[in-house]
N, C-alpha and C. Protein backbone atom coordinates (compact mmCIF):
# COMPACT_ATOMS: atom_id res chain seq x y z
N MET A 1 7.19 12.62 1.02
CA MET A 1 5.96 12.62 -0.22
C MET A 1 6.90 11.81 -1.30
N ASN A 2 5.98 11.08 -1.78
CA ASN A 2 6.27 10.69 -3.17
C ASN A 2 6.77 11.63 -4.16
N ASN A 3 7.12 11.41 -5.17
CA ASN A 3 7.67 12.34 -6.42
C ASN A 3 7.88 11.83 -7.33
N ARG A 4 7.89 12.60 -8.67
CA ARG A 4 8.90 11.77 -9.71
C ARG A 4 9.97 12.79 -10.24
N LEU A 5 10.71 13.51 -9.57
CA LEU A 5 11.76 14.35 -9.69
C LEU A 5 12.30 13.23 -10.52
N ARG A 6 12.92 11.94 -9.95
CA ARG A 6 13.98 11.25 -10.50
C ARG A 6 13.81 10.74 -12.14
N ILE A 7 12.65 10.42 -12.47
CA ILE A 7 11.83 10.13 -13.80
C ILE A 7 12.02 11.33 -14.54
N LEU A 8 11.69 12.39 -14.22
CA LEU A 8 11.87 13.96 -15.34
C LEU A 8 13.29 14.23 -14.82
N ARG A 9 13.86 14.25 -14.62
CA ARG A 9 15.33 14.53 -14.10
C ARG A 9 15.91 13.60 -15.26
N GLY A 10 15.61 12.18 -15.78
CA GLY A 10 16.28 11.15 -16.43
C GLY A 10 15.53 11.34 -17.71
N GLU A 11 14.78 11.44 -17.94
CA GLU A 11 13.98 12.32 -19.02
C GLU A 11 14.61 12.96 -20.05
N ARG A 12 15.26 13.84 -18.74
CA ARG A 12 15.99 15.00 -19.56
C ARG A 12 17.63 14.51 -19.86
N GLY A 13 17.98 13.68 -19.15
CA GLY A 13 19.35 13.30 -19.51
C GLY A 13 19.96 14.34 -18.30
N TRP A 14 19.38 14.50 -16.99
CA TRP A 14 20.04 15.67 -16.23
C TRP A 14 20.92 15.06 -15.43
N SER A 15 21.85 15.27 -14.97
CA SER A 15 22.06 14.29 -13.23
C SER A 15 21.61 15.43 -12.24
N GLN A 16 21.87 14.36 -10.92
CA GLN A 16 21.84 15.56 -9.99
C GLN A 16 22.10 16.49 -9.54
N GLN A 17 23.62 16.94 -10.09
CA GLN A 17 24.54 17.51 -9.94
C GLN A 17 23.94 18.83 -10.79
N HIS A 18 23.72 18.64 -11.89
CA HIS A 18 23.39 19.76 -13.26
C HIS A 18 21.85 20.29 -12.77
N LEU A 19 20.67 19.12 -11.96
CA LEU A 19 19.81 20.06 -12.01
C LEU A 19 19.84 20.89 -10.50
N GLY A 20 20.53 20.29 -9.75
CA GLY A 20 20.94 21.28 -8.66
C GLY A 20 21.73 22.33 -8.36
N GLU A 21 22.32 22.58 -10.04
CA GLU A 21 22.59 23.86 -10.28
C GLU A 21 21.69 24.67 -10.88
N LEU A 22 20.51 24.19 -11.23
CA LEU A 22 19.29 24.70 -12.20
C LEU A 22 18.55 25.73 -11.02
N LEU A 23 18.67 24.77 -9.78
CA LEU A 23 17.19 24.92 -8.68
C LEU A 23 18.30 26.24 -7.77
N SER A 24 19.34 26.22 -8.10
CA SER A 24 20.88 25.98 -6.55
C SER A 24 20.66 25.84 -5.21
N VAL A 25 20.53 24.68 -5.49
CA VAL A 25 21.22 23.62 -4.33
C VAL A 25 21.71 22.31 -4.29
N SER A 26 22.32 22.15 -3.67
CA SER A 26 23.13 21.08 -3.92
C SER A 26 22.72 19.60 -4.55
N ARG A 27 23.58 18.85 -5.00
CA ARG A 27 23.67 17.66 -5.46
C ARG A 27 22.93 16.46 -4.33
N GLN A 28 23.10 16.70 -3.25
CA GLN A 28 22.14 16.22 -1.85
C GLN A 28 21.41 16.30 -1.70
N SER A 29 20.79 17.45 -1.84
CA SER A 29 19.50 17.94 -1.97
C SER A 29 18.71 17.45 -3.22
N VAL A 30 19.34 17.18 -4.15
CA VAL A 30 18.07 16.69 -5.07
C VAL A 30 18.07 15.07 -4.81
N ASN A 31 19.06 14.55 -4.12
CA ASN A 31 19.13 13.32 -3.90
C ASN A 31 18.40 12.77 -3.06
N ALA A 32 18.05 13.46 -1.61
CA ALA A 32 17.44 13.52 -0.45
C ALA A 32 15.75 14.02 -0.91
N ILE A 33 15.29 14.66 -1.93
CA ILE A 33 14.22 14.96 -2.21
C ILE A 33 13.96 14.00 -3.28
N GLU A 34 14.81 12.97 -4.13
CA GLU A 34 14.50 12.15 -4.99
C GLU A 34 13.69 10.82 -4.42
N THR A 35 14.95 10.75 -2.90
CA THR A 35 14.50 9.21 -1.88
C THR A 35 13.79 9.92 -1.03
N GLY A 36 12.76 11.13 -1.28
CA GLY A 36 11.61 11.07 -0.14
C GLY A 36 12.12 11.31 1.26
N ARG A 37 13.59 11.62 1.63
CA ARG A 37 14.38 12.04 2.67
C ARG A 37 14.20 13.42 3.33
N TYR A 38 14.01 14.35 2.06
CA TYR A 38 13.65 15.61 2.05
C TYR A 38 12.41 16.14 1.66
N ASP A 39 11.49 17.00 2.18
CA ASP A 39 10.59 17.54 1.26
C ASP A 39 10.54 18.84 1.37
N PRO A 40 11.28 19.12 0.08
CA PRO A 40 11.17 20.54 -0.14
C PRO A 40 10.35 21.67 0.65
N SER A 41 11.10 22.98 0.07
CA SER A 41 10.21 24.15 1.14
C SER A 41 9.55 24.44 -0.12
N LEU A 42 8.10 24.36 -0.06
CA LEU A 42 7.08 25.55 -0.96
C LEU A 42 7.76 26.04 -2.25
N PRO A 43 8.24 27.07 -1.65
CA PRO A 43 9.23 28.50 -2.85
C PRO A 43 10.07 27.21 -3.93
N LEU A 44 10.69 26.45 -3.26
CA LEU A 44 11.63 24.46 -3.87
C LEU A 44 10.69 24.22 -4.92
N ALA A 45 9.78 24.38 -4.50
CA ALA A 45 8.67 22.82 -4.82
C ALA A 45 7.99 23.18 -6.67
N PHE A 46 8.01 25.00 -6.01
CA PHE A 46 7.18 25.92 -6.93
C PHE A 46 8.22 25.61 -8.34
N SER A 47 10.03 25.92 -8.02
CA SER A 47 10.89 25.70 -8.70
C SER A 47 11.14 24.99 -9.66
N ILE A 48 10.92 23.81 -9.22
CA ILE A 48 11.07 22.30 -9.93
C ILE A 48 10.03 22.36 -10.72
N ALA A 49 8.34 22.47 -10.08
CA ALA A 49 8.05 22.55 -11.17
C ALA A 49 8.04 23.17 -12.18
N GLU A 50 8.23 24.37 -11.79
CA GLU A 50 8.56 25.43 -13.29
C GLU A 50 9.37 25.30 -14.02
N LEU A 51 10.06 24.52 -13.37
CA LEU A 51 11.97 24.08 -14.29
C LEU A 51 11.25 22.91 -15.23
N PHE A 52 10.12 22.46 -14.96
CA PHE A 52 9.64 21.01 -15.63
C PHE A 52 8.35 21.20 -16.23
N GLY A 53 7.79 22.71 -16.23
CA GLY A 53 6.78 23.13 -17.13
C GLY A 53 5.29 22.23 -16.82
N LEU A 54 5.52 21.88 -15.20
CA LEU A 54 4.61 21.37 -14.66
C LEU A 54 3.86 21.66 -13.50
N THR A 55 2.21 21.36 -13.46
CA THR A 55 2.32 21.96 -11.04
C THR A 55 2.87 21.42 -10.68
N ILE A 56 2.64 21.96 -9.44
CA ILE A 56 3.19 21.12 -8.15
C ILE A 56 2.47 19.52 -7.84
N GLU A 57 1.12 19.59 -8.26
CA GLU A 57 0.57 18.22 -7.99
C GLU A 57 0.94 17.50 -9.06
N GLU A 58 1.71 17.91 -10.42
CA GLU A 58 2.04 16.49 -11.31
C GLU A 58 3.83 16.05 -10.98
N VAL A 59 4.32 16.90 -10.09
CA VAL A 59 5.64 16.83 -9.73
C VAL A 59 5.41 15.59 -8.37
N PHE A 60 4.63 15.93 -7.25
CA PHE A 60 4.65 15.77 -5.95
C PHE A 60 3.25 15.25 -5.43
N GLU A 61 3.07 14.04 -4.91
CA GLU A 61 2.16 13.64 -4.58
C GLU A 61 1.82 13.47 -2.53
N SER A 62 1.07 14.00 -2.44
CA SER A 62 0.79 14.16 -0.96
C SER A 62 0.93 13.07 -0.32
N PRO A 63 1.27 12.27 0.77
CA PRO A 63 0.96 11.42 1.43
C PRO A 63 -0.25 11.07 1.73
N SER A 64 -1.07 11.66 2.47
CA SER A 64 -2.33 11.43 2.42
C SER A 64 -3.01 10.96 1.48
N ARG A 65 -2.74 11.88 0.13
CA ARG A 65 -3.26 11.22 -1.15
C ARG A 65 -3.19 9.50 -1.52
N SER A 66 -1.40 9.31 -1.34
CA SER A 66 -1.06 7.82 -1.32
C SER A 66 -1.86 6.79 -0.38
N ILE A 67 -2.21 7.16 0.32
CA ILE A 67 -2.99 6.14 1.48
C ILE A 67 -4.12 6.01 0.62
N ALA A 68 -5.35 6.62 0.63
CA ALA A 68 -6.56 6.21 -0.16
C ALA A 68 -6.25 5.36 -1.25
């Protein structure tokens, strides 16, 4: 799943470690989400979106949408 997490995190000057702490996940989990190796659970995706003041659709892009 494509996402803007790295960009959003960078705009705020946050490290992966800091974002992980804010979300109660590991730095490795943040890295895996950013690189597309791991799709977050729906509750985690909502937490990420809420943290950045965005909707889930503004942070994550469905794989089926990127094909079209």
